[in-house]
Amino acid sequence: MDLSYLQIPPKKQKEFEQLLERAEKRLAQAKAENDRDGMEFLNAGIRSVRAVLNLAERYRLEAERLG
């Protein structure tokens, strides 16, 4: 996913993707441990990162549509 439309450099894009991957792995651990606070915290973080990535994708698609 290209975040340049949000003026997010590629290095930061990679960091967002890595953060999401780590959070999803940690969420699985929190679920296995029935850590409700951890699950709530991680779910909020995952939603936030996904929101940024989804926004970037919508910007990209609209930019392509507009040419």
N, C-alpha and C. Protein backbone atom coordinates (compact mmCIF):
# COMPACT_ATOMS: atom_id res chain seq x y z
N MET A 1 0.85 -1.17 0.00
CA MET A 1 0.00 0.00 0.00
C MET A 1 0.90 1.24 0.00
N ASP A 2 0.59 2.17 -0.85
CA ASP A 2 1.40 3.38 -1.02
C ASP A 2 0.81 4.52 -0.19
N LEU A 3 1.55 4.98 0.80
CA LEU A 3 1.07 6.06 1.66
C LEU A 3 1.57 7.43 1.22
N SER A 4 2.17 7.54 0.06
CA SER A 4 2.73 8.81 -0.37
C SER A 4 1.66 9.88 -0.54
N TYR A 5 0.42 9.49 -0.82
CA TYR A 5 -0.65 10.47 -0.97
C TYR A 5 -0.96 11.18 0.34
N LEU A 6 -0.60 10.57 1.45
CA LEU A 6 -0.76 11.21 2.75
C LEU A 6 0.54 11.87 3.19
N GLN A 7 1.48 11.92 2.30
CA GLN A 7 2.82 12.46 2.57
C GLN A 7 3.50 11.68 3.70
N ILE A 8 3.27 10.38 3.70
CA ILE A 8 3.94 9.49 4.64
C ILE A 8 5.04 8.79 3.87
N PRO A 9 6.28 8.99 4.27
CA PRO A 9 7.39 8.38 3.53
C PRO A 9 7.36 6.86 3.59
N PRO A 10 7.95 6.21 2.59
CA PRO A 10 7.96 4.74 2.53
C PRO A 10 8.48 4.08 3.81
N LYS A 11 9.48 4.69 4.44
CA LYS A 11 10.03 4.10 5.67
C LYS A 11 8.95 4.06 6.75
N LYS A 12 8.17 5.12 6.87
CA LYS A 12 7.09 5.16 7.86
C LYS A 12 5.98 4.18 7.49
N GLN A 13 5.73 4.04 6.20
CA GLN A 13 4.73 3.08 5.74
C GLN A 13 5.11 1.68 6.22
N LYS A 14 6.37 1.33 6.02
CA LYS A 14 6.86 0.02 6.46
C LYS A 14 6.69 -0.13 7.97
N GLU A 15 6.97 0.95 8.70
CA GLU A 15 6.83 0.90 10.15
C GLU A 15 5.38 0.67 10.56
N PHE A 16 4.43 1.32 9.87
CA PHE A 16 3.01 1.09 10.14
C PHE A 16 2.66 -0.37 9.92
N GLU A 17 3.12 -0.93 8.82
CA GLU A 17 2.81 -2.32 8.50
C GLU A 17 3.42 -3.28 9.51
N GLN A 18 4.65 -3.00 9.94
CA GLN A 18 5.30 -3.85 10.93
C GLN A 18 4.61 -3.73 12.29
N LEU A 19 4.20 -2.52 12.64
CA LEU A 19 3.49 -2.30 13.89
C LEU A 19 2.19 -3.10 13.90
N LEU A 20 1.48 -3.06 12.81
CA LEU A 20 0.23 -3.79 12.69
C LEU A 20 0.47 -5.29 12.84
N GLU A 21 1.49 -5.79 12.19
CA GLU A 21 1.81 -7.22 12.28
C GLU A 21 2.14 -7.63 13.72
N ARG A 22 2.97 -6.83 14.38
CA ARG A 22 3.34 -7.14 15.78
C ARG A 22 2.13 -7.07 16.70
N ALA A 23 1.29 -6.06 16.50
CA ALA A 23 0.11 -5.91 17.35
C ALA A 23 -0.85 -7.08 17.17
N GLU A 24 -1.00 -7.53 15.94
CA GLU A 24 -1.89 -8.67 15.69
C GLU A 24 -1.35 -9.94 16.35
N LYS A 25 -0.04 -10.14 16.33
CA LYS A 25 0.55 -11.30 17.00
C LYS A 25 0.35 -11.19 18.51
N ARG A 26 0.57 -9.99 19.04
CA ARG A 26 0.41 -9.80 20.48
C ARG A 26 -1.05 -9.95 20.90
N LEU A 27 -1.97 -9.54 20.03
CA LEU A 27 -3.39 -9.70 20.31
C LEU A 27 -3.74 -11.18 20.44
N ALA A 28 -3.20 -11.99 19.58
CA ALA A 28 -3.43 -13.44 19.67
C ALA A 28 -2.94 -13.97 21.02
N GLN A 29 -1.79 -13.47 21.48
CA GLN A 29 -1.27 -13.89 22.79
C GLN A 29 -2.19 -13.43 23.91
N ALA A 30 -2.65 -12.18 23.81
CA ALA A 30 -3.54 -11.64 24.84
C ALA A 30 -4.84 -12.44 24.91
N LYS A 31 -5.35 -12.85 23.75
CA LYS A 31 -6.56 -13.67 23.73
C LYS A 31 -6.31 -15.02 24.39
N ALA A 32 -5.17 -15.62 24.08
CA ALA A 32 -4.83 -16.92 24.66
C ALA A 32 -4.69 -16.83 26.18
N GLU A 33 -4.23 -15.68 26.65
CA GLU A 33 -4.04 -15.46 28.09
C GLU A 33 -5.28 -14.86 28.75
N ASN A 34 -6.32 -14.63 27.97
CA ASN A 34 -7.55 -13.98 28.45
C ASN A 34 -7.24 -12.65 29.13
N ASP A 35 -6.33 -11.90 28.54
CA ASP A 35 -5.91 -10.58 29.04
C ASP A 35 -6.84 -9.52 28.43
N ARG A 36 -7.92 -9.23 29.13
CA ARG A 36 -8.93 -8.33 28.59
C ARG A 36 -8.40 -6.91 28.37
N ASP A 37 -7.61 -6.40 29.30
CA ASP A 37 -7.05 -5.06 29.13
C ASP A 37 -6.12 -5.02 27.92
N GLY A 38 -5.30 -6.05 27.79
CA GLY A 38 -4.40 -6.13 26.64
C GLY A 38 -5.16 -6.22 25.34
N MET A 39 -6.22 -7.02 25.33
CA MET A 39 -7.03 -7.15 24.11
C MET A 39 -7.67 -5.81 23.74
N GLU A 40 -8.20 -5.11 24.72
CA GLU A 40 -8.83 -3.81 24.45
C GLU A 40 -7.82 -2.81 23.90
N PHE A 41 -6.66 -2.74 24.55
CA PHE A 41 -5.61 -1.83 24.11
C PHE A 41 -5.13 -2.16 22.70
N LEU A 42 -4.85 -3.42 22.46
CA LEU A 42 -4.35 -3.83 21.15
C LEU A 42 -5.39 -3.66 20.05
N ASN A 43 -6.63 -3.98 20.35
CA ASN A 43 -7.69 -3.77 19.36
C ASN A 43 -7.80 -2.30 18.97
N ALA A 44 -7.69 -1.41 19.94
CA ALA A 44 -7.75 0.03 19.64
C ALA A 44 -6.57 0.44 18.76
N GLY A 45 -5.39 -0.04 19.08
CA GLY A 45 -4.21 0.29 18.28
C GLY A 45 -4.31 -0.26 16.87
N ILE A 46 -4.78 -1.47 16.75
CA ILE A 46 -4.93 -2.11 15.43
C ILE A 46 -5.94 -1.34 14.59
N ARG A 47 -7.06 -0.96 15.21
CA ARG A 47 -8.07 -0.18 14.48
C ARG A 47 -7.48 1.15 13.99
N SER A 48 -6.68 1.78 14.83
CA SER A 48 -6.08 3.07 14.45
C SER A 48 -5.12 2.93 13.28
N VAL A 49 -4.27 1.94 13.33
CA VAL A 49 -3.30 1.73 12.24
C VAL A 49 -4.03 1.35 10.96
N ARG A 50 -5.02 0.47 11.08
CA ARG A 50 -5.79 0.09 9.89
C ARG A 50 -6.52 1.29 9.30
N ALA A 51 -6.99 2.19 10.15
CA ALA A 51 -7.68 3.38 9.66
C ALA A 51 -6.73 4.24 8.82
N VAL A 52 -5.50 4.40 9.27
CA VAL A 52 -4.51 5.18 8.50
C VAL A 52 -4.24 4.49 7.17
N LEU A 53 -4.04 3.18 7.20
CA LEU A 53 -3.75 2.45 5.97
C LEU A 53 -4.95 2.48 5.01
N ASN A 54 -6.15 2.37 5.55
CA ASN A 54 -7.33 2.44 4.69
C ASN A 54 -7.53 3.83 4.10
N LEU A 55 -7.27 4.85 4.88
CA LEU A 55 -7.36 6.22 4.37
C LEU A 55 -6.37 6.42 3.22
N ALA A 56 -5.17 5.92 3.41
CA ALA A 56 -4.16 6.05 2.36
C ALA A 56 -4.62 5.34 1.09
N GLU A 57 -5.22 4.18 1.25
CA GLU A 57 -5.70 3.44 0.08
C GLU A 57 -6.81 4.20 -0.63
N ARG A 58 -7.72 4.79 0.12
CA ARG A 58 -8.79 5.58 -0.50
C ARG A 58 -8.23 6.79 -1.25
N TYR A 59 -7.24 7.46 -0.66
CA TYR A 59 -6.58 8.57 -1.34
C TYR A 59 -5.94 8.11 -2.65
N ARG A 60 -5.27 6.96 -2.57
CA ARG A 60 -4.60 6.45 -3.76
C ARG A 60 -5.60 6.15 -4.87
N LEU A 61 -6.68 5.49 -4.51
CA LEU A 61 -7.69 5.14 -5.50
C LEU A 61 -8.33 6.38 -6.13
N GLU A 62 -8.60 7.38 -5.32
CA GLU A 62 -9.20 8.60 -5.83
C GLU A 62 -8.22 9.35 -6.72
N ALA A 63 -6.96 9.38 -6.33
CA ALA A 63 -5.95 10.03 -7.15
C ALA A 63 -5.83 9.34 -8.50
N GLU A 64 -5.87 8.01 -8.50
CA GLU A 64 -5.82 7.27 -9.77
C GLU A 64 -7.06 7.59 -10.63
N ARG A 65 -8.21 7.65 -9.98
CA ARG A 65 -9.44 7.93 -10.71
C ARG A 65 -9.40 9.31 -11.35
N LEU A 66 -8.84 10.27 -10.62
CA LEU A 66 -8.77 11.64 -11.13
C LEU A 66 -7.63 11.85 -12.13
N GLY A 67 -6.72 10.90 -12.15
CA GLY A 67 -5.62 10.97 -13.10
C GLY A 67 -4.52 11.75 -12.58
